[in-house]
Amino acid sequence: MKYDAQIAEFKNLLPSAKNILIAVPAGADIDKLAAGLSLFLTFETAGKEVSIVCDDNILVSQSHLFGVDHVSKNISLSEGGNLTLTLEGVAAADGSVPSLEKLDWYAENNNLNLVFHVLPGQTFQPSRIVPKFQGSGFNLIFVVGASNLNVLGNLYSQNQQVFSGTHIVNIDSSSVNTSFGQTNVLDTSASSVSEIMTSLISDLGYSLDQDSASNLLAGIFDATNNLQNPKITADTYMAVANCLRVGGRKPSSVAAQAQPAYDWNAISVAGGQKTVPQTPSIPDFMTPPVVAPVSPTQASTDVNDKNQASPEERPVEEGVISETVEPEWLTPKIFKGTNLG
């Protein structure tokens, strides 16, 4: 297993994790979003309560990914995680509680009773009791393709208590990743985050399905420019093969790669309307002129005429041949042979 050493400690937490959050950074490309969605679909199939969030709008170019409709821009807070009861007005400036000797608790029926043992002669009377949850009920948080937590945008800045109280699994291929997770699955030699995810899902003991595999193929092909990036290795091809083996489909853009496309950057706006470049038109087919058929006799005459020099071109010594036929030329003639010998 490729990442077994990196996930050895965390792997023991996964079976008991019921509620999982997957976060991808703002401005995530197809590769990062595809990797996060593949993990989301895998956990959902396994019966986990799982959410996926991104502090950004989904682009049209990403709408073909399976499960993209589950991506939310907000973390759904619930009354879960660690509970803190804040008793206001009872602590001294140095952080001690002078009137309190100790604290006990015990269960009674369906209730939990907290017993504050007050020192003799002291008064222990909080001005207010404030309950506060330090988490959102998530057992694990997977951060996919983020070099640090700040690139998650408002998801992190407005919910820092969620991330501070939960085990974070950091998955990335970037060389500038700050290793902010309690578990860090980092592979700078991988061609893409989707390549890492293909191996990680298997290392966690799960199987890829057709939709997850199709997402991972889309991520790998997008990140590697259709497998033309110098970073691709034998592991990249192995990841592609594993995805195809379970029925994953290559992105349609690969099949359409050979088709000519418009240069959409050349679109100009005139009068408030877009002008789309036109495909060069093919000239109309011109019908050749019809030539009357020429008889063999006429063709021979034409050739002879062309080969015979004009009167102007003949030497003076040759004279000009008369075009009038002499009468004796039309009289039949009989030639007799002579006996020889």
C-alpha atoms as a PDB file:
ATOM      1  CA  MET A   1       0.000   0.000   0.000  1.00  0.00           C
ATOM      2  CA  LYS A   2       1.524   3.261  -1.152  1.00  0.00           C
ATOM      3  CA  TYR A   3       0.497   5.573   1.713  1.00  0.00           C
ATOM      4  CA  ASP A   4       0.126   3.000   4.482  1.00  0.00           C
ATOM      5  CA  ALA A   5       2.926   4.526   6.571  1.00  0.00           C
ATOM      6  CA  GLN A   6       1.366   7.988   6.461  1.00  0.00           C
ATOM      7  CA  ILE A   7      -2.123   6.839   7.452  1.00  0.00           C
ATOM      8  CA  ALA A   8      -1.230   4.153   9.988  1.00  0.00           C
ATOM      9  CA  GLU A   9      -2.372   6.174  13.037  1.00  0.00           C
ATOM     10  CA  PHE A  10      -5.385   7.772  11.415  1.00  0.00           C
ATOM     11  CA  LYS A  11      -6.596   4.514   9.874  1.00  0.00           C
ATOM     12  CA  ASN A  12      -7.701   3.310  13.317  1.00  0.00           C
ATOM     13  CA  LEU A  13     -10.005   6.333  13.697  1.00  0.00           C
ATOM     14  CA  LEU A  14     -11.890   5.857  10.439  1.00  0.00           C
ATOM     15  CA  PRO A  15     -14.087   2.833  11.310  1.00  0.00           C
ATOM     16  CA  SER A  16     -15.727   4.654  14.244  1.00  0.00           C
ATOM     17  CA  ALA A  17     -16.053   7.982  12.434  1.00  0.00           C
ATOM     18  CA  LYS A  18     -19.730   8.565  11.697  1.00  0.00           C
ATOM     19  CA  ASN A  19     -19.720  12.203  10.575  1.00  0.00           C
ATOM     20  CA  ILE A  20     -17.046  13.378   8.127  1.00  0.00           C
ATOM     21  CA  LEU A  21     -16.358  16.768   6.546  1.00  0.00           C
ATOM     22  CA  ILE A  22     -14.449  17.177   3.263  1.00  0.00           C
ATOM     23  CA  ALA A  23     -13.149  20.674   2.463  1.00  0.00           C
ATOM     24  CA  VAL A  24     -11.555  21.862  -0.794  1.00  0.00           C
ATOM     25  CA  PRO A  25      -9.939  25.295  -1.235  1.00  0.00           C
ATOM     26  CA  ALA A  26     -11.552  28.319  -2.822  1.00  0.00           C
ATOM     27  CA  GLY A  27     -10.805  28.438  -6.530  1.00  0.00           C
ATOM     28  CA  ALA A  28     -10.258  24.688  -6.666  1.00  0.00           C
ATOM     29  CA  ASP A  29      -9.501  23.336 -10.136  1.00  0.00           C
ATOM     30  CA  ILE A  30     -11.029  20.201 -11.655  1.00  0.00           C
ATOM     31  CA  ASP A  31      -8.283  18.017 -10.187  1.00  0.00           C
ATOM     32  CA  LYS A  32      -8.827  19.065  -6.563  1.00  0.00           C
ATOM     33  CA  LEU A  33     -12.614  19.129  -6.773  1.00  0.00           C
ATOM     34  CA  ALA A  34     -12.695  15.736  -8.515  1.00  0.00           C
ATOM     35  CA  ALA A  35     -10.487  14.215  -5.809  1.00  0.00           C
ATOM     36  CA  GLY A  36     -12.699  15.606  -3.033  1.00  0.00           C
ATOM     37  CA  LEU A  37     -15.898  14.421  -4.714  1.00  0.00           C
ATOM     38  CA  SER A  38     -14.486  10.926  -5.243  1.00  0.00           C
ATOM     39  CA  LEU A  39     -13.743  10.672  -1.523  1.00  0.00           C
ATOM     40  CA  PHE A  40     -17.227  12.021  -0.761  1.00  0.00           C
ATOM     41  CA  LEU A  41     -18.917   9.387  -2.964  1.00  0.00           C
ATOM     42  CA  THR A  42     -16.765   6.630  -1.438  1.00  0.00           C
ATOM     43  CA  PHE A  43     -17.733   7.530   2.140  1.00  0.00           C
ATOM     44  CA  GLU A  44     -21.380   8.014   1.176  1.00  0.00           C
ATOM     45  CA  THR A  45     -21.466   4.526  -0.337  1.00  0.00           C
ATOM     46  CA  ALA A  46     -19.914   3.190   2.877  1.00  0.00           C
ATOM     47  CA  GLY A  47     -22.813   4.603   4.921  1.00  0.00           C
ATOM     48  CA  LYS A  48     -20.967   7.535   6.492  1.00  0.00           C
ATOM     49  CA  GLU A  49     -22.558  10.892   7.205  1.00  0.00           C
ATOM     50  CA  VAL A  50     -20.410  13.051   4.945  1.00  0.00           C
ATOM     51  CA  SER A  51     -20.470  16.655   3.759  1.00  0.00           C
ATOM     52  CA  ILE A  52     -18.317  18.432   1.167  1.00  0.00           C
ATOM     53  CA  VAL A  53     -17.776  22.197   1.194  1.00  0.00           C
ATOM     54  CA  CYS A  54     -15.993  24.798  -0.931  1.00  0.00           C
ATOM     55  CA  ASP A  55     -16.006  28.565  -0.462  1.00  0.00           C
ATOM     56  CA  ASP A  56     -16.549  29.241  -4.141  1.00  0.00           C
ATOM     57  CA  ASN A  57     -19.052  28.806  -6.941  1.00  0.00           C
ATOM     58  CA  ILE A  58     -18.951  25.712  -9.122  1.00  0.00           C
ATOM     59  CA  LEU A  59     -17.817  26.511 -12.663  1.00  0.00           C
ATOM     60  CA  VAL A  60     -19.536  25.267 -15.802  1.00  0.00           C
ATOM     61  CA  SER A  61     -16.365  23.326 -16.672  1.00  0.00           C
ATOM     62  CA  GLN A  62     -16.732  21.414 -13.379  1.00  0.00           C
ATOM     63  CA  SER A  63     -20.444  20.654 -13.636  1.00  0.00           C
ATOM     64  CA  HIS A  64     -19.861  17.266 -15.290  1.00  0.00           C
ATOM     65  CA  LEU A  65     -18.275  15.806 -12.145  1.00  0.00           C
ATOM     66  CA  PHE A  66     -20.380  13.242 -10.301  1.00  0.00           C
ATOM     67  CA  GLY A  67     -21.739  14.462  -6.950  1.00  0.00           C
ATOM     68  CA  VAL A  68     -21.045  18.128  -7.705  1.00  0.00           C
ATOM     69  CA  ASP A  69     -24.574  19.047  -6.627  1.00  0.00           C
ATOM     70  CA  HIS A  70     -23.657  18.074  -3.040  1.00  0.00           C
ATOM     71  CA  VAL A  71     -20.986  20.764  -2.718  1.00  0.00           C
ATOM     72  CA  SER A  72     -22.030  23.455  -0.231  1.00  0.00           C
ATOM     73  CA  LYS A  73     -20.541  26.868   0.503  1.00  0.00           C
ATOM     74  CA  ASN A  74     -21.305  26.637   4.213  1.00  0.00           C
ATOM     75  CA  ILE A  75     -20.494  24.216   7.003  1.00  0.00           C
ATOM     76  CA  SER A  76     -23.720  22.929   8.530  1.00  0.00           C
ATOM     77  CA  LEU A  77     -23.279  23.531  12.247  1.00  0.00           C
ATOM     78  CA  SER A  78     -25.020  21.150  14.587  1.00  0.00           C
ATOM     79  CA  GLU A  79     -25.057  20.691  18.324  1.00  0.00           C
ATOM     80  CA  GLY A  80     -22.236  18.221  18.463  1.00  0.00           C
ATOM     81  CA  GLY A  81     -18.599  17.962  19.430  1.00  0.00           C
ATOM     82  CA  ASN A  82     -17.137  19.074  22.767  1.00  0.00           C
ATOM     83  CA  LEU A  83     -19.496  20.999  25.061  1.00  0.00           C
ATOM     84  CA  THR A  84     -18.167  23.735  27.335  1.00  0.00           C
ATOM     85  CA  LEU A  85     -20.317  25.303  30.062  1.00  0.00           C
ATOM     86  CA  THR A  86     -18.991  28.763  30.816  1.00  0.00           C
ATOM     87  CA  LEU A  87     -19.860  30.008  34.327  1.00  0.00           C
ATOM     88  CA  GLU A  88     -19.380  33.757  34.227  1.00  0.00           C
ATOM     89  CA  GLY A  89     -18.350  35.896  37.208  1.00  0.00           C
ATOM     90  CA  VAL A  90     -16.768  33.195  39.413  1.00  0.00           C
ATOM     91  CA  ALA A  91     -13.067  33.232  38.414  1.00  0.00           C
ATOM     92  CA  ALA A  92     -10.357  35.539  39.773  1.00  0.00           C
ATOM     93  CA  ALA A  93      -7.929  37.548  37.660  1.00  0.00           C
ATOM     94  CA  ASP A  94      -5.228  34.880  38.010  1.00  0.00           C
ATOM     95  CA  GLY A  95      -7.552  32.199  36.632  1.00  0.00           C
ATOM     96  CA  SER A  96      -8.301  30.518  39.954  1.00  0.00           C
ATOM     97  CA  VAL A  97     -11.744  30.013  41.478  1.00  0.00           C
ATOM     98  CA  PRO A  98     -11.275  30.969  45.191  1.00  0.00           C
ATOM     99  CA  SER A  99     -14.703  29.855  46.340  1.00  0.00           C
ATOM    100  CA  LEU A 100     -14.610  26.450  44.680  1.00  0.00           C
ATOM    101  CA  GLU A 101     -13.083  23.399  46.347  1.00  0.00           C
ATOM    102  CA  LYS A 102     -13.818  20.754  43.690  1.00  0.00           C
ATOM    103  CA  LEU A 103     -16.276  19.640  41.053  1.00  0.00           C
ATOM    104  CA  ASP A 104     -18.133  16.316  40.868  1.00  0.00           C
ATOM    105  CA  TRP A 105     -20.717  14.901  38.516  1.00  0.00           C
ATOM    106  CA  TYR A 106     -23.104  11.995  38.524  1.00  0.00           C
ATOM    107  CA  ALA A 107     -25.915  10.654  36.360  1.00  0.00           C
ATOM    108  CA  GLU A 108     -29.456  10.476  37.636  1.00  0.00           C
ATOM    109  CA  ASN A 109     -32.122   8.947  35.422  1.00  0.00           C
ATOM    110  CA  ASN A 110     -31.599  10.740  32.080  1.00  0.00           C
ATOM    111  CA  ASN A 111     -29.879  13.724  33.663  1.00  0.00           C
ATOM    112  CA  LEU A 112     -26.267  14.646  34.363  1.00  0.00           C
ATOM    113  CA  ASN A 113     -25.772  16.539  37.629  1.00  0.00           C
ATOM    114  CA  LEU A 114     -22.744  18.744  38.209  1.00  0.00           C
ATOM    115  CA  VAL A 115     -21.854  19.304  41.866  1.00  0.00           C
ATOM    116  CA  PHE A 116     -19.749  22.361  42.685  1.00  0.00           C
ATOM    117  CA  HIS A 117     -18.236  21.987  46.155  1.00  0.00           C
ATOM    118  CA  VAL A 118     -18.008  25.470  47.669  1.00  0.00           C
ATOM    119  CA  LEU A 119     -15.564  26.313  50.461  1.00  0.00           C
ATOM    120  CA  PRO A 120     -17.132  27.223  53.800  1.00  0.00           C
ATOM    121  CA  GLY A 121     -17.878  30.914  54.096  1.00  0.00           C
ATOM    122  CA  GLN A 122     -17.529  31.488  50.307  1.00  0.00           C
ATOM    123  CA  THR A 123     -20.187  32.346  47.790  1.00  0.00           C
ATOM    124  CA  PHE A 124     -20.309  30.602  44.432  1.00  0.00           C
ATOM    125  CA  GLN A 125     -22.957  32.175  42.277  1.00  0.00           C
ATOM    126  CA  PRO A 126     -22.306  32.510  38.509  1.00  0.00           C
ATOM    127  CA  SER A 127     -23.918  35.526  36.897  1.00  0.00           C
ATOM    128  CA  ARG A 128     -24.679  33.475  33.795  1.00  0.00           C
ATOM    129  CA  ILE A 129     -24.159  29.941  32.443  1.00  0.00           C
ATOM    130  CA  VAL A 130     -23.352  29.814  28.715  1.00  0.00           C
ATOM    131  CA  PRO A 131     -23.197  26.479  26.826  1.00  0.00           C
ATOM    132  CA  LYS A 132     -20.840  26.415  23.844  1.00  0.00           C
ATOM    133  CA  PHE A 133     -20.068  23.613  21.436  1.00  0.00           C
ATOM    134  CA  GLN A 134     -16.436  23.448  20.326  1.00  0.00           C
ATOM    135  CA  GLY A 135     -17.146  21.381  17.244  1.00  0.00           C
ATOM    136  CA  SER A 136     -19.830  20.564  14.718  1.00  0.00           C
ATOM    137  CA  GLY A 137     -20.146  16.917  15.445  1.00  0.00           C
ATOM    138  CA  PHE A 138     -17.508  15.961  12.837  1.00  0.00           C
ATOM    139  CA  ASN A 139     -15.272  13.072  13.760  1.00  0.00           C
ATOM    140  CA  LEU A 140     -12.835  13.687  10.916  1.00  0.00           C
ATOM    141  CA  ILE A 141     -12.067  16.511   8.513  1.00  0.00           C
ATOM    142  CA  PHE A 142     -10.385  15.831   5.166  1.00  0.00           C
ATOM    143  CA  VAL A 143      -8.774  18.886   3.566  1.00  0.00           C
ATOM    144  CA  VAL A 144      -8.067  18.126  -0.104  1.00  0.00           C
ATOM    145  CA  GLY A 145      -5.614  20.128  -2.234  1.00  0.00           C
ATOM    146  CA  ALA A 146      -5.045  23.028   0.197  1.00  0.00           C
ATOM    147  CA  SER A 147      -1.496  24.177   1.030  1.00  0.00           C
ATOM    148  CA  ASN A 148      -2.765  25.646   4.321  1.00  0.00           C
ATOM    149  CA  LEU A 149      -6.055  26.192   6.120  1.00  0.00           C
ATOM    150  CA  ASN A 150      -6.295  29.861   5.161  1.00  0.00           C
ATOM    151  CA  VAL A 151      -6.868  29.026   1.489  1.00  0.00           C
ATOM    152  CA  LEU A 152     -10.212  27.523   2.520  1.00  0.00           C
ATOM    153  CA  GLY A 153     -11.465  31.108   2.795  1.00  0.00           C
ATOM    154  CA  ASN A 154     -14.501  31.770   4.982  1.00  0.00           C
ATOM    155  CA  LEU A 155     -14.917  28.068   5.649  1.00  0.00           C
ATOM    156  CA  TYR A 156     -11.931  28.287   7.971  1.00  0.00           C
ATOM    157  CA  SER A 157     -11.944  31.926   9.105  1.00  0.00           C
ATOM    158  CA  GLN A 158     -15.557  31.722  10.294  1.00  0.00           C
ATOM    159  CA  ASN A 159     -15.369  28.175  11.707  1.00  0.00           C
ATOM    160  CA  GLN A 160     -11.958  27.912  13.313  1.00  0.00           C
ATOM    161  CA  GLN A 161     -13.420  26.149  16.341  1.00  0.00           C
ATOM    162  CA  VAL A 162     -14.569  23.327  14.038  1.00  0.00           C
ATOM    163  CA  PHE A 163     -11.059  22.740  12.728  1.00  0.00           C
ATOM    164  CA  SER A 164      -9.309  23.174  16.058  1.00  0.00           C
ATOM    165  CA  GLY A 165     -11.295  20.460  17.803  1.00  0.00           C
ATOM    166  CA  THR A 166     -11.286  17.770  15.071  1.00  0.00           C
ATOM    167  CA  HIS A 167      -8.687  15.415  13.610  1.00  0.00           C
ATOM    168  CA  ILE A 168      -7.614  16.815  10.226  1.00  0.00           C
ATOM    169  CA  VAL A 169      -6.362  14.673   7.340  1.00  0.00           C
ATOM    170  CA  ASN A 170      -4.335  16.836   4.944  1.00  0.00           C
ATOM    171  CA  ILE A 171      -4.107  15.491   1.348  1.00  0.00           C
ATOM    172  CA  ASP A 172      -2.037  17.393  -1.198  1.00  0.00           C
ATOM    173  CA  SER A 173       0.635  17.208  -3.923  1.00  0.00           C
ATOM    174  CA  SER A 174       1.994  20.736  -3.480  1.00  0.00           C
ATOM    175  CA  SER A 175       5.588  21.306  -2.404  1.00  0.00           C
ATOM    176  CA  VAL A 176       4.570  24.369  -0.353  1.00  0.00           C
ATOM    177  CA  ASN A 177       2.100  22.506   1.868  1.00  0.00           C
ATOM    178  CA  THR A 178       2.602  23.426   5.544  1.00  0.00           C
ATOM    179  CA  SER A 179       1.734  19.932   6.924  1.00  0.00           C
ATOM    180  CA  PHE A 180      -1.032  21.420   9.053  1.00  0.00           C
ATOM    181  CA  GLY A 181      -2.949  18.188   9.636  1.00  0.00           C
ATOM    182  CA  GLN A 182      -2.743  15.655  12.399  1.00  0.00           C
ATOM    183  CA  THR A 183      -2.399  13.232   9.470  1.00  0.00           C
ATOM    184  CA  ASN A 184      -0.575  14.421   6.339  1.00  0.00           C
ATOM    185  CA  VAL A 185      -0.788  12.483   3.084  1.00  0.00           C
ATOM    186  CA  LEU A 186       1.628  14.513   0.978  1.00  0.00           C
ATOM    187  CA  ASP A 187       3.206  13.331  -2.270  1.00  0.00           C
ATOM    188  CA  THR A 188       5.024  15.980  -4.300  1.00  0.00           C
ATOM    189  CA  SER A 189       6.056  13.377  -6.881  1.00  0.00           C
ATOM    190  CA  ALA A 190       2.430  12.679  -7.839  1.00  0.00           C
ATOM    191  CA  SER A 191       1.118  14.234 -11.035  1.00  0.00           C
ATOM    192  CA  SER A 192      -2.113  15.342  -9.373  1.00  0.00           C
ATOM    193  CA  VAL A 193      -4.210  15.180  -6.222  1.00  0.00           C
ATOM    194  CA  SER A 194      -6.530  12.781  -8.051  1.00  0.00           C
ATOM    195  CA  GLU A 195      -3.638  10.374  -8.548  1.00  0.00           C
ATOM    196  CA  ILE A 196      -2.982  10.438  -4.784  1.00  0.00           C
ATOM    197  CA  MET A 197      -6.673   9.910  -4.055  1.00  0.00           C
ATOM    198  CA  THR A 198      -6.845   6.871  -6.354  1.00  0.00           C
ATOM    199  CA  SER A 199      -4.245   5.098  -4.219  1.00  0.00           C
ATOM    200  CA  LEU A 200      -5.483   6.492  -0.891  1.00  0.00           C
ATOM    201  CA  ILE A 201      -9.040   5.203  -1.298  1.00  0.00           C
ATOM    202  CA  SER A 202      -7.633   1.742  -1.882  1.00  0.00           C
ATOM    203  CA  ASP A 203      -5.203   2.065   1.044  1.00  0.00           C
ATOM    204  CA  LEU A 204      -8.134   2.912   3.329  1.00  0.00           C
ATOM    205  CA  GLY A 205      -9.799  -0.375   2.412  1.00  0.00           C
ATOM    206  CA  TYR A 206     -12.473   0.998   0.075  1.00  0.00           C
ATOM    207  CA  SER A 207     -13.233   0.139  -3.543  1.00  0.00           C
ATOM    208  CA  LEU A 208     -13.724   2.631  -6.344  1.00  0.00           C
ATOM    209  CA  ASP A 209     -17.062   2.675  -8.114  1.00  0.00           C
ATOM    210  CA  GLN A 210     -17.699   3.871 -11.648  1.00  0.00           C
ATOM    211  CA  ASP A 211     -18.638   7.448 -10.709  1.00  0.00           C
ATOM    212  CA  SER A 212     -15.690   7.975  -8.370  1.00  0.00           C
ATOM    213  CA  ALA A 213     -13.329   6.517 -10.962  1.00  0.00           C
ATOM    214  CA  SER A 214     -14.739   8.803 -13.670  1.00  0.00           C
ATOM    215  CA  ASN A 215     -14.126  11.819 -11.433  1.00  0.00           C
ATOM    216  CA  LEU A 216     -10.545  10.759 -10.763  1.00  0.00           C
ATOM    217  CA  LEU A 217      -9.891  10.263 -14.477  1.00  0.00           C
ATOM    218  CA  ALA A 218     -11.219  13.766 -15.148  1.00  0.00           C
ATOM    219  CA  GLY A 219      -8.893  15.154 -12.474  1.00  0.00           C
ATOM    220  CA  ILE A 220      -5.814  13.294 -13.708  1.00  0.00           C
ATOM    221  CA  PHE A 221      -6.369  14.164 -17.379  1.00  0.00           C
ATOM    222  CA  ASP A 222      -7.001  17.828 -16.547  1.00  0.00           C
ATOM    223  CA  ALA A 223      -3.943  18.173 -14.302  1.00  0.00           C
ATOM    224  CA  THR A 224      -1.620  16.421 -16.773  1.00  0.00           C
ATOM    225  CA  ASN A 225      -2.918  17.979 -19.992  1.00  0.00           C
ATOM    226  CA  ASN A 226      -4.231  14.634 -21.209  1.00  0.00           C
ATOM    227  CA  LEU A 227      -1.219  12.675 -19.908  1.00  0.00           C
ATOM    228  CA  GLN A 228       1.326  14.947 -21.602  1.00  0.00           C
ATOM    229  CA  ASN A 229       2.787  16.552 -18.453  1.00  0.00           C
ATOM    230  CA  PRO A 230       6.436  15.622 -17.702  1.00  0.00           C
ATOM    231  CA  LYS A 231       5.388  14.773 -14.109  1.00  0.00           C
ATOM    232  CA  ILE A 232       3.481  11.656 -15.120  1.00  0.00           C
ATOM    233  CA  THR A 233       5.066   8.398 -13.995  1.00  0.00           C
ATOM    234  CA  ALA A 234       4.278   4.717 -14.039  1.00  0.00           C
ATOM    235  CA  ASP A 235       2.106   5.343 -10.958  1.00  0.00           C
ATOM    236  CA  THR A 236       0.035   7.797 -13.013  1.00  0.00           C
ATOM    237  CA  TYR A 237      -0.660   5.196 -15.676  1.00  0.00           C
ATOM    238  CA  MET A 238      -1.404   2.643 -12.966  1.00  0.00           C
ATOM    239  CA  ALA A 239      -3.974   5.003 -11.420  1.00  0.00           C
ATOM    240  CA  VAL A 240      -5.591   5.521 -14.830  1.00  0.00           C
ATOM    241  CA  ALA A 241      -5.661   1.764 -15.427  1.00  0.00           C
ATOM    242  CA  ASN A 242      -7.269   1.103 -12.036  1.00  0.00           C
ATOM    243  CA  CYS A 243      -9.980   3.664 -12.750  1.00  0.00           C
ATOM    244  CA  LEU A 244     -10.688   2.268 -16.212  1.00  0.00           C
ATOM    245  CA  ARG A 245     -10.763  -1.256 -14.842  1.00  0.00           C
ATOM    246  CA  VAL A 246     -13.815  -0.472 -12.652  1.00  0.00           C
ATOM    247  CA  GLY A 247     -15.690   1.256 -15.485  1.00  0.00           C
ATOM    248  CA  GLY A 248     -14.454   4.832 -15.118  1.00  0.00           C
ATOM    249  CA  ARG A 249     -14.949   6.960 -18.207  1.00  0.00           C
ATOM    250  CA  LYS A 250     -12.335   9.233 -19.690  1.00  0.00           C
ATOM    251  CA  PRO A 251     -13.440  12.888 -19.881  1.00  0.00           C
ATOM    252  CA  SER A 252     -15.241  13.762 -23.093  1.00  0.00           C
ATOM    253  CA  SER A 253     -12.791  16.584 -23.804  1.00  0.00           C
ATOM    254  CA  VAL A 254     -10.172  13.956 -24.588  1.00  0.00           C
ATOM    255  CA  ALA A 255     -12.340  12.412 -27.299  1.00  0.00           C
ATOM    256  CA  ALA A 256     -13.089  15.833 -28.735  1.00  0.00           C
ATOM    257  CA  GLN A 257      -9.458  16.932 -28.664  1.00  0.00           C
ATOM    258  CA  ALA A 258      -8.947  16.351 -32.383  1.00  0.00           C
ATOM    259  CA  GLN A 259     -11.986  18.419 -33.352  1.00  0.00           C
ATOM    260  CA  PRO A 260     -11.332  22.034 -34.476  1.00  0.00           C
ATOM    261  CA  ALA A 261     -12.500  24.669 -32.063  1.00  0.00           C
ATOM    262  CA  TYR A 262     -13.273  28.342 -32.272  1.00  0.00           C
ATOM    263  CA  ASP A 263     -10.817  30.809 -30.798  1.00  0.00           C
ATOM    264  CA  TRP A 264     -13.250  32.170 -28.239  1.00  0.00           C
ATOM    265  CA  ASN A 265     -10.679  34.749 -27.121  1.00  0.00           C
ATOM    266  CA  ALA A 266     -11.138  36.376 -30.500  1.00  0.00           C
ATOM    267  CA  ILE A 267     -14.806  37.088 -29.838  1.00  0.00           C
ATOM    268  CA  SER A 268     -15.401  40.818 -29.995  1.00  0.00           C
ATOM    269  CA  VAL A 269     -18.261  42.776 -28.570  1.00  0.00           C
ATOM    270  CA  ALA A 270     -19.824  45.338 -30.864  1.00  0.00           C
ATOM    271  CA  GLY A 271     -22.978  47.195 -30.103  1.00  0.00           C
ATOM    272  CA  GLY A 272     -23.581  45.104 -26.993  1.00  0.00           C
ATOM    273  CA  GLN A 273     -23.687  41.865 -29.008  1.00  0.00           C
ATOM    274  CA  LYS A 274     -21.033  39.189 -29.308  1.00  0.00           C
ATOM    275  CA  THR A 275     -19.576  38.520 -32.721  1.00  0.00           C
ATOM    276  CA  VAL A 276     -18.562  34.906 -33.161  1.00  0.00           C
ATOM    277  CA  PRO A 277     -15.729  34.221 -35.603  1.00  0.00           C
ATOM    278  CA  GLN A 278     -17.018  32.529 -38.719  1.00  0.00           C
ATOM    279  CA  THR A 279     -15.611  29.414 -40.300  1.00  0.00           C
ATOM    280  CA  PRO A 280     -13.968  30.312 -43.641  1.00  0.00           C
ATOM    281  CA  SER A 281     -16.470  29.727 -46.447  1.00  0.00           C
ATOM    282  CA  ILE A 282     -15.771  27.400 -49.350  1.00  0.00           C
ATOM    283  CA  PRO A 283     -16.018  29.132 -52.791  1.00  0.00           C
ATOM    284  CA  ASP A 284     -19.044  28.180 -54.842  1.00  0.00           C
ATOM    285  CA  PHE A 285     -18.378  25.369 -57.314  1.00  0.00           C
ATOM    286  CA  MET A 286     -18.029  26.782 -60.838  1.00  0.00           C
ATOM    287  CA  THR A 287     -19.509  24.680 -63.633  1.00  0.00           C
ATOM    288  CA  PRO A 288     -16.955  24.279 -66.438  1.00  0.00           C
ATOM    289  CA  PRO A 289     -18.048  25.461 -69.922  1.00  0.00           C
ATOM    290  CA  VAL A 290     -19.497  22.830 -72.233  1.00  0.00           C
ATOM    291  CA  VAL A 291     -17.279  22.220 -75.252  1.00  0.00           C
ATOM    292  CA  ALA A 292     -18.845  20.780 -78.393  1.00  0.00           C
ATOM    293  CA  PRO A 293     -17.434  17.357 -79.361  1.00  0.00           C
ATOM    294  CA  VAL A 294     -14.843  17.370 -82.110  1.00  0.00           C
ATOM    295  CA  SER A 295     -14.775  14.705 -84.848  1.00  0.00           C
ATOM    296  CA  PRO A 296     -11.518  12.811 -85.470  1.00  0.00           C
ATOM    297  CA  THR A 297     -11.288  14.391 -88.947  1.00  0.00           C
ATOM    298  CA  GLN A 298     -11.674  17.863 -87.574  1.00  0.00           C
ATOM    299  CA  ALA A 299      -9.194  17.146 -84.789  1.00  0.00           C
ATOM    300  CA  SER A 300      -6.625  15.991 -87.361  1.00  0.00           C
ATOM    301  CA  THR A 301      -7.231  19.101 -89.473  1.00  0.00           C
ATOM    302  CA  ASP A 302      -6.796  21.326 -86.428  1.00  0.00           C
ATOM    303  CA  VAL A 303      -3.485  19.679 -85.578  1.00  0.00           C
ATOM    304  CA  ASN A 304      -2.205  20.078 -89.122  1.00  0.00           C
ATOM    305  CA  ASP A 305      -3.278  23.702 -89.147  1.00  0.00           C
ATOM    306  CA  LYS A 306      -1.392  24.328 -85.938  1.00  0.00           C
ATOM    307  CA  ASN A 307       1.751  22.595 -87.203  1.00  0.00           C
ATOM    308  CA  GLN A 308       1.750  24.502 -90.554  1.00  0.00           C
ATOM    309  CA  ALA A 309       3.339  27.925 -90.478  1.00  0.00           C
ATOM    310  CA  SER A 310       1.269  30.926 -91.522  1.00  0.00           C
ATOM    311  CA  PRO A 311       2.054  32.717 -94.776  1.00  0.00           C
ATOM    312  CA  GLU A 312       3.635  35.533 -92.887  1.00  0.00           C
ATOM    313  CA  GLU A 313       5.954  33.062 -91.079  1.00  0.00           C
ATOM    314  CA  ARG A 314       7.118  31.180 -94.237  1.00  0.00           C
ATOM    315  CA  PRO A 315      10.465  32.054 -95.816  1.00  0.00           C
ATOM    316  CA  VAL A 316      10.227  34.249 -98.885  1.00  0.00           C
ATOM    317  CA  GLU A 317      11.876  31.608-101.059  1.00  0.00           C
ATOM    318  CA  GLU A 318       9.061  29.145-100.418  1.00  0.00           C
ATOM    319  CA  GLY A 319       6.479  31.441-101.843  1.00  0.00           C
ATOM    320  CA  VAL A 320       2.835  31.238-100.979  1.00  0.00           C
ATOM    321  CA  ILE A 321       0.853  28.153-101.766  1.00  0.00           C
ATOM    322  CA  SER A 322      -2.313  28.996-103.624  1.00  0.00           C
ATOM    323  CA  GLU A 323      -5.505  28.033-101.993  1.00  0.00           C
ATOM    324  CA  THR A 324      -7.183  27.531-105.467  1.00  0.00           C
ATOM    325  CA  VAL A 325      -7.254  23.884-106.599  1.00  0.00           C
ATOM    326  CA  GLU A 326      -5.864  23.352-110.115  1.00  0.00           C
ATOM    327  CA  PRO A 327      -8.365  21.568-112.533  1.00  0.00           C
ATOM    328  CA  GLU A 328      -5.948  18.755-113.461  1.00  0.00           C
ATOM    329  CA  TRP A 329      -5.724  17.770-109.831  1.00  0.00           C
ATOM    330  CA  LEU A 330      -9.368  16.694-109.982  1.00  0.00           C
ATOM    331  CA  THR A 331      -8.961  14.498-113.167  1.00  0.00           C
ATOM    332  CA  PRO A 332      -8.503  10.736-112.526  1.00  0.00           C
ATOM    333  CA  LYS A 333      -5.093   9.477-113.567  1.00  0.00           C
ATOM    334  CA  ILE A 334      -3.915   5.962-114.527  1.00  0.00           C
ATOM    335  CA  PHE A 335      -0.332   4.954-113.956  1.00  0.00           C
ATOM    336  CA  LYS A 336       1.183   1.985-115.835  1.00  0.00           C
ATOM    337  CA  GLY A 337       4.171   0.088-114.711  1.00  0.00           C
ATOM    338  CA  THR A 338       7.161  -0.741-117.017  1.00  0.00           C
ATOM    339  CA  ASN A 339       8.717  -4.134-117.467  1.00  0.00           C
ATOM    340  CA  LEU A 340      12.144  -4.368-116.050  1.00  0.00           C
ATOM    341  CA  GLY A 341      14.834  -6.763-116.943  1.00  0.00           C
END
